[in-house]
Amino acid sequence: MTAFAVVRIRGRVGVRREIEETLQRLRLTRVNHCVVVPDTPTFRGMINRAKDYITWGEIDKETLDLLLRRKGELEGRREVTEEYIREKTGLDWDAFLDAVLDGKMLLSDVGIKPFRLHPPSGGFERKGIKTPYSLGGALGYRGNAINELLRRMM
């Protein structure tokens, strides 16, 4: 099993109620927020419903590590530390990353909030945020290219 990094690209205006509820359940309440979810049928269905407002792809271990160290945040704006992860899960840092990538653990289970990212340096793709990635835009499935986008957004 793999894990997807999901990033909200488009804003709140004009969003149908059921799509907005799906985005809320994914914890993507604002533009440039990112969550990491396992590849399960439930999350796939949620991603498919919100596909016109998000981009997603398979996150690799190095990018997840960088994301947690740079942008990981707990309640009260505290940063995520290896000691906190060890205390909460009983796992060391590498084992925790593997558990998240294998879908055995959600970041929300240990109190990690959605990642608040910057707009990507260099901007989004040439055709903008209303066009699918497959046609040169920013929306939809992008596979491993999500890692490069996340690095530009940190």
Protein backbone atom coordinates (compact mmCIF):
# COMPACT_ATOMS: atom_id res chain seq x y z
CA MET A 1 0.00 0.00 0.00
CA THR A 2 1.12 3.54 -0.64
CA ALA A 3 0.21 6.94 0.71
CA PHE A 4 -1.00 9.95 -1.22
CA ALA A 5 -0.07 13.57 -0.57
CA VAL A 6 -3.14 15.67 -1.34
CA VAL A 7 -2.87 19.45 -1.82
CA ARG A 8 -5.80 21.85 -2.16
CA ILE A 9 -5.20 24.12 -5.15
CA ARG A 10 -8.46 26.05 -5.57
CA GLY A 11 -10.39 28.22 -3.13
CA ARG A 12 -13.83 28.20 -1.53
CA VAL A 13 -15.98 30.35 -3.79
CA GLY A 14 -18.54 28.50 -5.88
CA VAL A 15 -17.80 25.04 -4.48
CA ARG A 16 -20.79 22.68 -4.34
CA ARG A 17 -21.81 21.72 -0.81
CA GLU A 18 -20.99 17.99 -1.12
CA ILE A 19 -17.52 18.74 -2.50
CA GLU A 20 -16.86 21.27 0.27
CA GLU A 21 -17.91 18.64 2.86
CA THR A 22 -15.54 16.13 1.28
CA LEU A 23 -12.69 18.64 1.40
CA GLN A 24 -13.52 19.30 5.07
CA ARG A 25 -13.41 15.56 5.82
CA LEU A 26 -10.02 15.43 4.13
CA ARG A 27 -9.04 18.37 6.40
CA LEU A 28 -8.28 20.55 3.36
CA THR A 29 -10.01 23.72 4.49
CA ARG A 30 -7.74 26.25 2.78
CA VAL A 31 -5.69 26.70 -0.36
CA ASN A 32 -2.15 25.23 -0.18
CA HIS A 33 -3.00 22.92 2.72
CA CYS A 34 -1.65 19.40 2.36
CA VAL A 35 -2.56 16.08 3.99
CA VAL A 36 -1.09 12.60 3.67
CA VAL A 37 -3.69 9.82 3.39
CA PRO A 38 -3.42 6.07 2.74
CA ASP A 39 -4.42 4.58 -0.59
CA THR A 40 -7.73 2.98 0.49
CA PRO A 41 -11.03 2.81 -1.42
CA THR A 42 -12.59 5.31 1.01
CA PHE A 43 -9.90 7.94 0.51
CA ARG A 44 -9.79 7.24 -3.24
CA GLY A 45 -13.52 8.00 -3.43
CA MET A 46 -13.06 11.23 -1.50
CA ILE A 47 -10.15 12.25 -3.72
CA ASN A 48 -12.13 11.43 -6.85
CA ARG A 49 -15.06 13.58 -5.70
CA ALA A 50 -12.79 16.57 -5.00
CA LYS A 51 -10.52 16.10 -8.02
CA ASP A 52 -11.41 19.51 -9.51
CA TYR A 53 -10.02 21.33 -6.46
CA ILE A 54 -6.96 19.27 -5.49
CA THR A 55 -3.83 17.65 -6.83
CA TRP A 56 -2.39 14.40 -5.48
CA GLY A 57 0.23 11.72 -6.00
CA GLU A 58 2.37 9.12 -4.25
CA ILE A 59 4.64 10.71 -1.66
CA ASP A 60 8.10 9.26 -1.10
CA LYS A 61 9.83 8.78 2.25
CA GLU A 62 12.36 11.60 1.80
CA THR A 63 9.66 14.16 0.99
CA LEU A 64 7.48 13.02 3.90
CA ASP A 65 10.48 13.32 6.23
CA LEU A 66 11.24 16.83 4.95
CA LEU A 67 7.57 17.83 5.19
CA LEU A 68 7.28 16.68 8.81
CA ARG A 69 10.54 18.32 9.87
CA ARG A 70 9.90 21.66 8.13
CA LYS A 71 6.11 22.04 8.22
CA GLY A 72 4.89 19.48 10.77
CA GLU A 73 2.78 21.16 13.41
CA LEU A 74 0.86 20.05 16.50
CA GLU A 75 -1.92 21.81 18.38
CA GLY A 76 -0.68 25.05 19.90
CA ARG A 77 1.77 25.61 17.04
CA ARG A 78 4.29 23.17 18.55
CA GLU A 79 6.66 21.46 16.15
CA VAL A 80 6.79 17.71 15.60
CA THR A 81 9.86 16.15 17.21
CA GLU A 82 11.28 12.65 17.20
CA GLU A 83 10.75 12.49 20.97
CA TYR A 84 7.06 13.36 20.57
CA ILE A 85 6.60 10.63 17.93
CA ARG A 86 8.42 8.07 20.10
CA GLU A 87 6.28 9.01 23.12
CA LYS A 88 2.97 8.90 21.19
CA THR A 89 3.54 5.81 19.02
CA GLY A 90 6.40 3.87 20.56
CA LEU A 91 8.12 3.91 17.15
CA ASP A 92 11.36 5.53 16.11
CA TRP A 93 11.26 8.19 13.35
CA ASP A 94 11.99 5.84 10.41
CA ALA A 95 9.48 3.24 11.59
CA PHE A 96 6.87 5.99 11.98
CA LEU A 97 7.49 7.23 8.41
CA ASP A 98 7.18 3.66 7.13
CA ALA A 99 3.93 3.14 9.08
CA VAL A 100 2.44 6.31 7.57
CA LEU A 101 3.54 5.35 4.05
CA ASP A 102 2.14 1.82 4.48
CA GLY A 103 -1.23 3.19 5.61
CA LYS A 104 -0.98 1.66 9.08
CA MET A 105 -1.10 5.06 10.77
CA LEU A 106 -2.61 8.45 9.96
CA LEU A 107 -0.83 11.67 10.82
CA SER A 108 -4.04 12.90 12.45
CA ASP A 109 -3.92 9.88 14.82
CA VAL A 110 -0.89 11.40 16.53
CA GLY A 111 -2.22 14.97 16.48
CA ILE A 112 -0.35 16.35 13.46
CA LYS A 113 -2.30 19.12 11.74
CA PRO A 114 -2.55 19.54 7.94
CA PHE A 115 0.60 21.05 6.49
CA ARG A 116 0.34 24.76 5.70
CA LEU A 117 2.45 25.30 2.60
CA HIS A 118 3.52 28.30 0.54
CA PRO A 119 2.46 28.75 -3.08
CA PRO A 120 5.01 26.90 -5.24
CA SER A 121 8.14 28.84 -6.14
CA GLY A 122 8.02 29.39 -9.87
CA GLY A 123 4.22 29.15 -9.80
CA PHE A 124 1.92 26.39 -10.89
CA GLU A 125 2.07 24.81 -14.32
CA ARG A 126 1.68 26.97 -17.41
CA LYS A 127 -2.02 26.35 -18.02
CA GLY A 128 -3.04 27.27 -14.48
CA ILE A 129 -5.17 25.89 -11.68
CA LYS A 130 -8.31 25.07 -13.64
CA THR A 131 -6.76 22.57 -16.04
CA PRO A 132 -5.88 18.92 -15.30
CA TYR A 133 -2.21 18.04 -14.84
CA SER A 134 -2.40 15.64 -17.79
CA LEU A 135 -3.23 18.63 -20.05
CA GLY A 136 -0.50 20.90 -18.66
CA GLY A 137 -2.39 22.36 -15.69
CA ALA A 138 -2.17 21.88 -11.93
CA LEU A 139 -5.23 19.79 -10.95
CA GLY A 140 -5.63 16.05 -10.54
CA TYR A 141 -3.33 13.06 -10.28
CA ARG A 142 0.36 13.71 -10.85
CA GLY A 143 2.03 10.52 -9.60
CA ASN A 144 5.57 10.97 -8.28
CA ALA A 145 5.68 14.57 -9.59
CA ILE A 146 3.85 15.55 -6.37
CA ASN A 147 7.18 15.27 -4.55
CA GLU A 148 8.76 17.96 -6.71
CA LEU A 149 5.71 20.21 -6.20
CA LEU A 150 5.82 19.73 -2.42
CA ARG A 151 9.51 20.62 -2.32
CA ARG A 152 8.76 23.84 -4.23
CA MET A 153 5.98 24.65 -1.73
CA MET A 154 8.04 24.26 1.46
